[in-house]
């Protein structure tokens, strides 16, 4: 059962969201201030947070940045809510949020966004994790039983990501680690284009990638069961 942490200073709003999400099959935790939110994050690490940004004396964007700064919660999906026009989607993303939904919102829309973000970080909620097999000596890659023809750069990119799966790799780290550019050099568009090409070859639906996932401003990660057949270069 997925755990959702709702952080809002308004009791009625929290109660409404709690009641609805529990009917949707989630376990719901709640916090009305930063202190209680941090206690939940430490002791009951949730699968997703819904953080209010509209309350007086409560800075949801600052809390979001704090969530992102911790190694334990840096990859946690965060859905920000707030009054329409108070914060833009850009402000939410810059603070580390994954989405922003303006109040008042329909509960069905909130639930749909929750499902979408859980699916993005966990793959399809009903599907088994795909198997990604890497054969370094022949530079061959299989997704389940399907061989994926890759260029040398594409192979080096997927191999680099798979050395630390489920960990986000920043664009600058990929430019340094895969293309051997000096730190601070290289073009981010180069990485985006090769990731796009990889998704076209690997993903069932490249527009909704389940294997090569990305988080805005924080990098790329591979979600799959990975098996390396042969020595992998460091």
C-alpha atoms as a PDB file:
ATOM      1  CA  UNK A   1       0.000   0.000   0.000  1.00  0.00           C
ATOM      2  CA  UNK A   2       1.411   3.388  -1.021  1.00  0.00           C
ATOM      3  CA  UNK A   3       1.853   6.002   1.726  1.00  0.00           C
ATOM      4  CA  UNK A   4       0.899   9.610   0.965  1.00  0.00           C
ATOM      5  CA  UNK A   5       1.971  12.441   3.301  1.00  0.00           C
ATOM      6  CA  UNK A   6      -0.375  15.458   3.186  1.00  0.00           C
ATOM      7  CA  UNK A   7       1.132  18.673   4.584  1.00  0.00           C
ATOM      8  CA  UNK A   8      -1.312  21.554   4.972  1.00  0.00           C
ATOM      9  CA  UNK A   9      -2.242  23.967   7.769  1.00  0.00           C
ATOM     10  CA  UNK A  10      -5.972  23.750   7.021  1.00  0.00           C
ATOM     11  CA  UNK A  11      -7.646  20.938   8.965  1.00  0.00           C
ATOM     12  CA  UNK A  12     -10.690  20.702   6.687  1.00  0.00           C
ATOM     13  CA  UNK A  13      -8.522  20.435   3.561  1.00  0.00           C
ATOM     14  CA  UNK A  14      -6.351  17.727   5.093  1.00  0.00           C
ATOM     15  CA  UNK A  15      -9.397  15.806   6.324  1.00  0.00           C
ATOM     16  CA  UNK A  16     -11.025  15.985   2.878  1.00  0.00           C
ATOM     17  CA  UNK A  17      -7.883  14.787   1.076  1.00  0.00           C
ATOM     18  CA  UNK A  18      -7.264  12.052   3.652  1.00  0.00           C
ATOM     19  CA  UNK A  19     -10.785  10.678   3.385  1.00  0.00           C
ATOM     20  CA  UNK A  20     -10.730  10.656  -0.398  1.00  0.00           C
ATOM     21  CA  UNK A  21      -7.262   9.121  -0.847  1.00  0.00           C
ATOM     22  CA  UNK A  22      -8.001   6.401   1.698  1.00  0.00           C
ATOM     23  CA  UNK A  23     -11.056   5.437  -0.351  1.00  0.00           C
ATOM     24  CA  UNK A  24      -8.677   5.271  -3.344  1.00  0.00           C
ATOM     25  CA  UNK A  25      -6.612   2.651  -1.501  1.00  0.00           C
ATOM     26  CA  UNK A  26      -3.736   4.714  -0.088  1.00  0.00           C
ATOM     27  CA  UNK A  27      -2.416   4.952   3.439  1.00  0.00           C
ATOM     28  CA  UNK A  28      -2.499   8.653   4.328  1.00  0.00           C
ATOM     29  CA  UNK A  29      -0.332  10.499   6.851  1.00  0.00           C
ATOM     30  CA  UNK A  30      -0.886  14.149   7.745  1.00  0.00           C
ATOM     31  CA  UNK A  31       1.076  17.078   9.127  1.00  0.00           C
ATOM     32  CA  UNK A  32      -0.018  20.630   9.912  1.00  0.00           C
ATOM     33  CA  UNK A  33       3.444  22.161  10.322  1.00  0.00           C
ATOM     34  CA  UNK A  34       7.038  21.693   9.218  1.00  0.00           C
ATOM     35  CA  UNK A  35       8.120  19.986  12.436  1.00  0.00           C
ATOM     36  CA  UNK A  36       5.512  17.226  12.174  1.00  0.00           C
ATOM     37  CA  UNK A  37       6.210  16.870   8.446  1.00  0.00           C
ATOM     38  CA  UNK A  38       9.927  16.303   9.099  1.00  0.00           C
ATOM     39  CA  UNK A  39       9.131  13.718  11.788  1.00  0.00           C
ATOM     40  CA  UNK A  40       6.983  11.764   9.314  1.00  0.00           C
ATOM     41  CA  UNK A  41       9.664  12.030   6.641  1.00  0.00           C
ATOM     42  CA  UNK A  42      12.238  10.662   9.072  1.00  0.00           C
ATOM     43  CA  UNK A  43      10.202   7.850  10.642  1.00  0.00           C
ATOM     44  CA  UNK A  44       7.560   6.936   8.058  1.00  0.00           C
ATOM     45  CA  UNK A  45       9.164   7.753   4.724  1.00  0.00           C
ATOM     46  CA  UNK A  46       6.161   8.159   2.392  1.00  0.00           C
ATOM     47  CA  UNK A  47       5.952   7.324  -1.293  1.00  0.00           C
ATOM     48  CA  UNK A  48       4.676  10.804  -2.212  1.00  0.00           C
ATOM     49  CA  UNK A  49       4.106  14.182  -0.530  1.00  0.00           C
ATOM     50  CA  UNK A  50       1.338  16.708  -1.122  1.00  0.00           C
ATOM     51  CA  UNK A  51       2.594  20.061   0.195  1.00  0.00           C
ATOM     52  CA  UNK A  52       0.557  23.243   0.567  1.00  0.00           C
ATOM     53  CA  UNK A  53       2.243  26.538  -0.392  1.00  0.00           C
ATOM     54  CA  UNK A  54      -0.627  28.933   0.344  1.00  0.00           C
ATOM     55  CA  UNK A  55      -0.780  29.109   4.144  1.00  0.00           C
ATOM     56  CA  UNK A  56       0.422  32.176   6.037  1.00  0.00           C
ATOM     57  CA  UNK A  57       3.560  31.425   8.054  1.00  0.00           C
ATOM     58  CA  UNK A  58       4.195  28.155   6.228  1.00  0.00           C
ATOM     59  CA  UNK A  59       6.672  28.067   3.327  1.00  0.00           C
ATOM     60  CA  UNK A  60       5.868  24.973   1.286  1.00  0.00           C
ATOM     61  CA  UNK A  61       8.564  25.764  -1.276  1.00  0.00           C
ATOM     62  CA  UNK A  62      11.205  25.912   1.461  1.00  0.00           C
ATOM     63  CA  UNK A  63      10.001  22.563   2.805  1.00  0.00           C
ATOM     64  CA  UNK A  64      10.167  21.142  -0.714  1.00  0.00           C
ATOM     65  CA  UNK A  65      13.774  22.315  -1.047  1.00  0.00           C
ATOM     66  CA  UNK A  66      14.579  20.702   2.313  1.00  0.00           C
ATOM     67  CA  UNK A  67      13.071  17.420   1.104  1.00  0.00           C
ATOM     68  CA  UNK A  68      15.268  17.585  -1.974  1.00  0.00           C
ATOM     69  CA  UNK A  69      18.412  18.323   0.072  1.00  0.00           C
ATOM     70  CA  UNK A  70      18.201  15.067   2.038  1.00  0.00           C
ATOM     71  CA  UNK A  71      19.672  11.892   0.530  1.00  0.00           C
ATOM     72  CA  UNK A  72      16.826   9.878   2.062  1.00  0.00           C
ATOM     73  CA  UNK A  73      14.073  11.896   0.384  1.00  0.00           C
ATOM     74  CA  UNK A  74      15.774  13.512  -2.626  1.00  0.00           C
ATOM     75  CA  UNK A  75      13.853  11.300  -5.085  1.00  0.00           C
ATOM     76  CA  UNK A  76      10.504  11.523  -3.288  1.00  0.00           C
ATOM     77  CA  UNK A  77       7.706  12.800  -5.574  1.00  0.00           C
ATOM     78  CA  UNK A  78       6.371  16.140  -4.294  1.00  0.00           C
ATOM     79  CA  UNK A  79       3.055  17.584  -5.489  1.00  0.00           C
ATOM     80  CA  UNK A  80       2.678  21.255  -4.501  1.00  0.00           C
ATOM     81  CA  UNK A  81      -0.705  22.916  -4.052  1.00  0.00           C
ATOM     82  CA  UNK A  82      -1.597  26.568  -3.634  1.00  0.00           C
ATOM     83  CA  UNK A  83      -3.853  29.452  -4.538  1.00  0.00           C
ATOM     84  CA  UNK A  84      -4.259  30.046  -8.247  1.00  0.00           C
ATOM     85  CA  UNK A  85      -1.661  32.548  -9.423  1.00  0.00           C
ATOM     86  CA  UNK A  86       0.348  32.512  -6.201  1.00  0.00           C
ATOM     87  CA  UNK A  87       3.043  30.267  -7.619  1.00  0.00           C
ATOM     88  CA  UNK A  88       3.592  29.184 -11.184  1.00  0.00           C
ATOM     89  CA  UNK A  89       4.484  25.682 -12.298  1.00  0.00           C
ATOM     90  CA  UNK A  90       7.974  27.050 -12.976  1.00  0.00           C
ATOM     91  CA  UNK A  91       8.341  28.191  -9.348  1.00  0.00           C
ATOM     92  CA  UNK A  92       7.231  24.751  -8.154  1.00  0.00           C
ATOM     93  CA  UNK A  93       9.717  22.970 -10.399  1.00  0.00           C
ATOM     94  CA  UNK A  94      12.544  25.295  -9.423  1.00  0.00           C
ATOM     95  CA  UNK A  95      11.893  24.484  -5.758  1.00  0.00           C
ATOM     96  CA  UNK A  96      12.157  20.774  -6.587  1.00  0.00           C
ATOM     97  CA  UNK A  97       8.456  20.013  -6.893  1.00  0.00           C
ATOM     98  CA  UNK A  98       7.264  17.529  -9.467  1.00  0.00           C
ATOM     99  CA  UNK A  99       3.930  19.236 -10.109  1.00  0.00           C
ATOM    100  CA  UNK A 100       1.717  22.122  -9.013  1.00  0.00           C
ATOM    101  CA  UNK A 101      -2.064  22.051  -8.715  1.00  0.00           C
ATOM    102  CA  UNK A 102      -3.998  25.260  -8.049  1.00  0.00           C
ATOM    103  CA  UNK A 103      -6.644  25.474  -5.320  1.00  0.00           C
ATOM    104  CA  UNK A 104      -9.502  24.844  -5.395  1.00  0.00           C
ATOM    105  CA  UNK A 105      -8.968  21.546  -7.202  1.00  0.00           C
ATOM    106  CA  UNK A 106     -11.155  18.559  -7.957  1.00  0.00           C
ATOM    107  CA  UNK A 107     -10.242  15.542  -5.838  1.00  0.00           C
ATOM    108  CA  UNK A 108     -10.404  13.313  -8.905  1.00  0.00           C
ATOM    109  CA  UNK A 109      -7.772  15.479 -10.574  1.00  0.00           C
ATOM    110  CA  UNK A 110      -5.586  15.291  -7.478  1.00  0.00           C
ATOM    111  CA  UNK A 111      -5.895  11.492  -7.410  1.00  0.00           C
ATOM    112  CA  UNK A 112      -5.046  11.278 -11.122  1.00  0.00           C
ATOM    113  CA  UNK A 113      -1.865  13.292 -10.585  1.00  0.00           C
ATOM    114  CA  UNK A 114      -0.923  11.192  -7.571  1.00  0.00           C
ATOM    115  CA  UNK A 115      -1.286   8.020  -9.643  1.00  0.00           C
ATOM    116  CA  UNK A 116       0.720   9.524 -12.498  1.00  0.00           C
ATOM    117  CA  UNK A 117       3.664  10.466 -10.286  1.00  0.00           C
ATOM    118  CA  UNK A 118       3.675   7.136  -8.455  1.00  0.00           C
ATOM    119  CA  UNK A 119       3.575   5.373 -11.808  1.00  0.00           C
ATOM    120  CA  UNK A 120       6.472   7.489 -13.062  1.00  0.00           C
ATOM    121  CA  UNK A 121       8.759   6.564 -10.190  1.00  0.00           C
ATOM    122  CA  UNK A 122       7.533   3.003  -9.735  1.00  0.00           C
ATOM    123  CA  UNK A 123       6.694   1.964 -13.286  1.00  0.00           C
ATOM    124  CA  UNK A 124       3.219   0.753 -14.148  1.00  0.00           C
ATOM    125  CA  UNK A 125       1.615  -0.053 -10.806  1.00  0.00           C
ATOM    126  CA  UNK A 126       0.372  -3.389 -12.078  1.00  0.00           C
ATOM    127  CA  UNK A 127       3.323  -4.494 -14.212  1.00  0.00           C
ATOM    128  CA  UNK A 128       6.457  -6.399 -13.286  1.00  0.00           C
ATOM    129  CA  UNK A 129       9.739  -4.555 -13.558  1.00  0.00           C
ATOM    130  CA  UNK A 130      11.377  -5.168 -16.957  1.00  0.00           C
ATOM    131  CA  UNK A 131      14.643  -7.101 -17.200  1.00  0.00           C
ATOM    132  CA  UNK A 132      17.545  -5.226 -18.760  1.00  0.00           C
ATOM    133  CA  UNK A 133      20.491  -7.468 -19.697  1.00  0.00           C
ATOM    134  CA  UNK A 134      23.845  -5.922 -20.586  1.00  0.00           C
ATOM    135  CA  UNK A 135      26.677  -7.804 -22.302  1.00  0.00           C
ATOM    136  CA  UNK A 136      29.705  -5.498 -22.177  1.00  0.00           C
ATOM    137  CA  UNK A 137      32.032  -7.653 -24.283  1.00  0.00           C
ATOM    138  CA  UNK A 138      29.708  -7.528 -27.302  1.00  0.00           C
ATOM    139  CA  UNK A 139      28.047  -4.227 -26.344  1.00  0.00           C
ATOM    140  CA  UNK A 140      24.678  -5.917 -26.563  1.00  0.00           C
ATOM    141  CA  UNK A 141      21.547  -4.988 -24.637  1.00  0.00           C
ATOM    142  CA  UNK A 142      18.317  -6.959 -24.202  1.00  0.00           C
ATOM    143  CA  UNK A 143      15.013  -5.726 -22.778  1.00  0.00           C
ATOM    144  CA  UNK A 144      13.449  -8.928 -21.474  1.00  0.00           C
ATOM    145  CA  UNK A 145      14.074 -11.190 -24.505  1.00  0.00           C
ATOM    146  CA  UNK A 146      14.231  -8.455 -27.135  1.00  0.00           C
ATOM    147  CA  UNK A 147      17.651  -7.391 -28.409  1.00  0.00           C
ATOM    148  CA  UNK A 148      18.014  -3.643 -28.739  1.00  0.00           C
ATOM    149  CA  UNK A 149      20.402  -2.430 -31.469  1.00  0.00           C
ATOM    150  CA  UNK A 150      22.429   0.471 -30.061  1.00  0.00           C
ATOM    151  CA  UNK A 151      25.201   2.713 -31.264  1.00  0.00           C
ATOM    152  CA  UNK A 152      28.422   2.698 -29.255  1.00  0.00           C
ATOM    153  CA  UNK A 153      27.531   5.999 -27.551  1.00  0.00           C
ATOM    154  CA  UNK A 154      24.024   4.759 -26.731  1.00  0.00           C
ATOM    155  CA  UNK A 155      25.489   1.595 -25.215  1.00  0.00           C
ATOM    156  CA  UNK A 156      27.989   3.590 -23.150  1.00  0.00           C
ATOM    157  CA  UNK A 157      25.177   5.855 -21.938  1.00  0.00           C
ATOM    158  CA  UNK A 158      22.858   3.037 -20.843  1.00  0.00           C
ATOM    159  CA  UNK A 159      25.788   1.170 -19.259  1.00  0.00           C
ATOM    160  CA  UNK A 160      26.768   4.281 -17.295  1.00  0.00           C
ATOM    161  CA  UNK A 161      23.199   4.743 -16.017  1.00  0.00           C
ATOM    162  CA  UNK A 162      22.989   1.072 -15.049  1.00  0.00           C
ATOM    163  CA  UNK A 163      26.094   1.151 -12.874  1.00  0.00           C
ATOM    164  CA  UNK A 164      23.970   2.901 -10.253  1.00  0.00           C
ATOM    165  CA  UNK A 165      20.335   2.172 -11.145  1.00  0.00           C
ATOM    166  CA  UNK A 166      17.556   4.108  -9.417  1.00  0.00           C
ATOM    167  CA  UNK A 167      20.048   6.907  -8.741  1.00  0.00           C
ATOM    168  CA  UNK A 168      19.581  10.184 -10.555  1.00  0.00           C
ATOM    169  CA  UNK A 169      22.487  11.156 -12.808  1.00  0.00           C
ATOM    170  CA  UNK A 170      22.784  14.846 -13.594  1.00  0.00           C
ATOM    171  CA  UNK A 171      23.357  15.996 -17.161  1.00  0.00           C
ATOM    172  CA  UNK A 172      26.799  17.370 -16.303  1.00  0.00           C
ATOM    173  CA  UNK A 173      27.791  14.014 -14.767  1.00  0.00           C
ATOM    174  CA  UNK A 174      26.746  12.216 -17.954  1.00  0.00           C
ATOM    175  CA  UNK A 175      28.708  14.662 -20.122  1.00  0.00           C
ATOM    176  CA  UNK A 176      31.774  13.991 -17.963  1.00  0.00           C
ATOM    177  CA  UNK A 177      31.309  10.252 -17.453  1.00  0.00           C
ATOM    178  CA  UNK A 178      30.123   9.201 -20.911  1.00  0.00           C
ATOM    179  CA  UNK A 179      31.500  11.832 -23.285  1.00  0.00           C
ATOM    180  CA  UNK A 180      34.601  12.604 -21.188  1.00  0.00           C
ATOM    181  CA  UNK A 181      34.056  16.345 -21.333  1.00  0.00           C
ATOM    182  CA  UNK A 182      35.850  18.454 -18.702  1.00  0.00           C
ATOM    183  CA  UNK A 183      33.578  19.511 -15.854  1.00  0.00           C
ATOM    184  CA  UNK A 184      31.408  22.421 -16.986  1.00  0.00           C
ATOM    185  CA  UNK A 185      31.879  21.731 -20.707  1.00  0.00           C
ATOM    186  CA  UNK A 186      29.519  20.096 -23.212  1.00  0.00           C
ATOM    187  CA  UNK A 187      25.960  20.744 -24.318  1.00  0.00           C
ATOM    188  CA  UNK A 188      22.937  19.474 -22.391  1.00  0.00           C
ATOM    189  CA  UNK A 189      21.125  19.041 -25.715  1.00  0.00           C
ATOM    190  CA  UNK A 190      23.584  16.263 -26.563  1.00  0.00           C
ATOM    191  CA  UNK A 191      22.405  14.252 -23.579  1.00  0.00           C
ATOM    192  CA  UNK A 192      18.721  14.964 -24.238  1.00  0.00           C
ATOM    193  CA  UNK A 193      18.998  13.828 -27.863  1.00  0.00           C
ATOM    194  CA  UNK A 194      20.726  10.551 -26.994  1.00  0.00           C
ATOM    195  CA  UNK A 195      18.282   9.830 -24.165  1.00  0.00           C
ATOM    196  CA  UNK A 196      15.428  10.458 -26.608  1.00  0.00           C
ATOM    197  CA  UNK A 197      16.976   8.031 -29.114  1.00  0.00           C
ATOM    198  CA  UNK A 198      17.485   5.421 -26.400  1.00  0.00           C
ATOM    199  CA  UNK A 199      13.867   5.712 -25.311  1.00  0.00           C
ATOM    200  CA  UNK A 200      12.684   5.212 -28.892  1.00  0.00           C
ATOM    201  CA  UNK A 201      14.565   1.909 -28.973  1.00  0.00           C
ATOM    202  CA  UNK A 202      13.967   0.677 -25.424  1.00  0.00           C
ATOM    203  CA  UNK A 203      10.610   1.954 -24.219  1.00  0.00           C
ATOM    204  CA  UNK A 204       7.217   0.495 -25.156  1.00  0.00           C
ATOM    205  CA  UNK A 205       5.906   4.060 -25.095  1.00  0.00           C
ATOM    206  CA  UNK A 206       8.750   6.597 -25.509  1.00  0.00           C
ATOM    207  CA  UNK A 207       6.395   9.470 -24.642  1.00  0.00           C
ATOM    208  CA  UNK A 208       5.719   7.864 -21.242  1.00  0.00           C
ATOM    209  CA  UNK A 209       9.073   6.260 -20.397  1.00  0.00           C
ATOM    210  CA  UNK A 210       9.062   3.596 -17.697  1.00  0.00           C
ATOM    211  CA  UNK A 211      12.714   2.466 -17.905  1.00  0.00           C
ATOM    212  CA  UNK A 212      14.776   5.614 -18.540  1.00  0.00           C
ATOM    213  CA  UNK A 213      13.095   8.080 -16.211  1.00  0.00           C
ATOM    214  CA  UNK A 214      13.885  11.741 -15.642  1.00  0.00           C
ATOM    215  CA  UNK A 215      13.192  14.297 -12.952  1.00  0.00           C
ATOM    216  CA  UNK A 216      13.147  17.940 -13.982  1.00  0.00           C
ATOM    217  CA  UNK A 217      16.451  19.631 -13.204  1.00  0.00           C
ATOM    218  CA  UNK A 218      17.832  16.601 -11.346  1.00  0.00           C
ATOM    219  CA  UNK A 219      18.783  14.068 -13.981  1.00  0.00           C
ATOM    220  CA  UNK A 220      18.065  10.606 -15.345  1.00  0.00           C
ATOM    221  CA  UNK A 221      17.735   7.180 -13.750  1.00  0.00           C
ATOM    222  CA  UNK A 222      17.100   3.621 -14.948  1.00  0.00           C
ATOM    223  CA  UNK A 223      14.278   1.603 -13.424  1.00  0.00           C
ATOM    224  CA  UNK A 224      14.649  -2.066 -14.315  1.00  0.00           C
ATOM    225  CA  UNK A 225      15.992  -5.364 -13.039  1.00  0.00           C
ATOM    226  CA  UNK A 226      19.556  -5.233 -14.325  1.00  0.00           C
ATOM    227  CA  UNK A 227      21.771  -8.205 -15.110  1.00  0.00           C
ATOM    228  CA  UNK A 228      25.311  -7.673 -16.382  1.00  0.00           C
ATOM    229  CA  UNK A 229      26.765 -10.687 -18.195  1.00  0.00           C
ATOM    230  CA  UNK A 230      30.510 -10.113 -18.171  1.00  0.00           C
ATOM    231  CA  UNK A 231      32.843  -7.485 -16.692  1.00  0.00           C
ATOM    232  CA  UNK A 232      31.601  -3.902 -16.787  1.00  0.00           C
ATOM    233  CA  UNK A 233      34.159  -1.142 -17.294  1.00  0.00           C
ATOM    234  CA  UNK A 234      34.398   1.252 -14.365  1.00  0.00           C
END
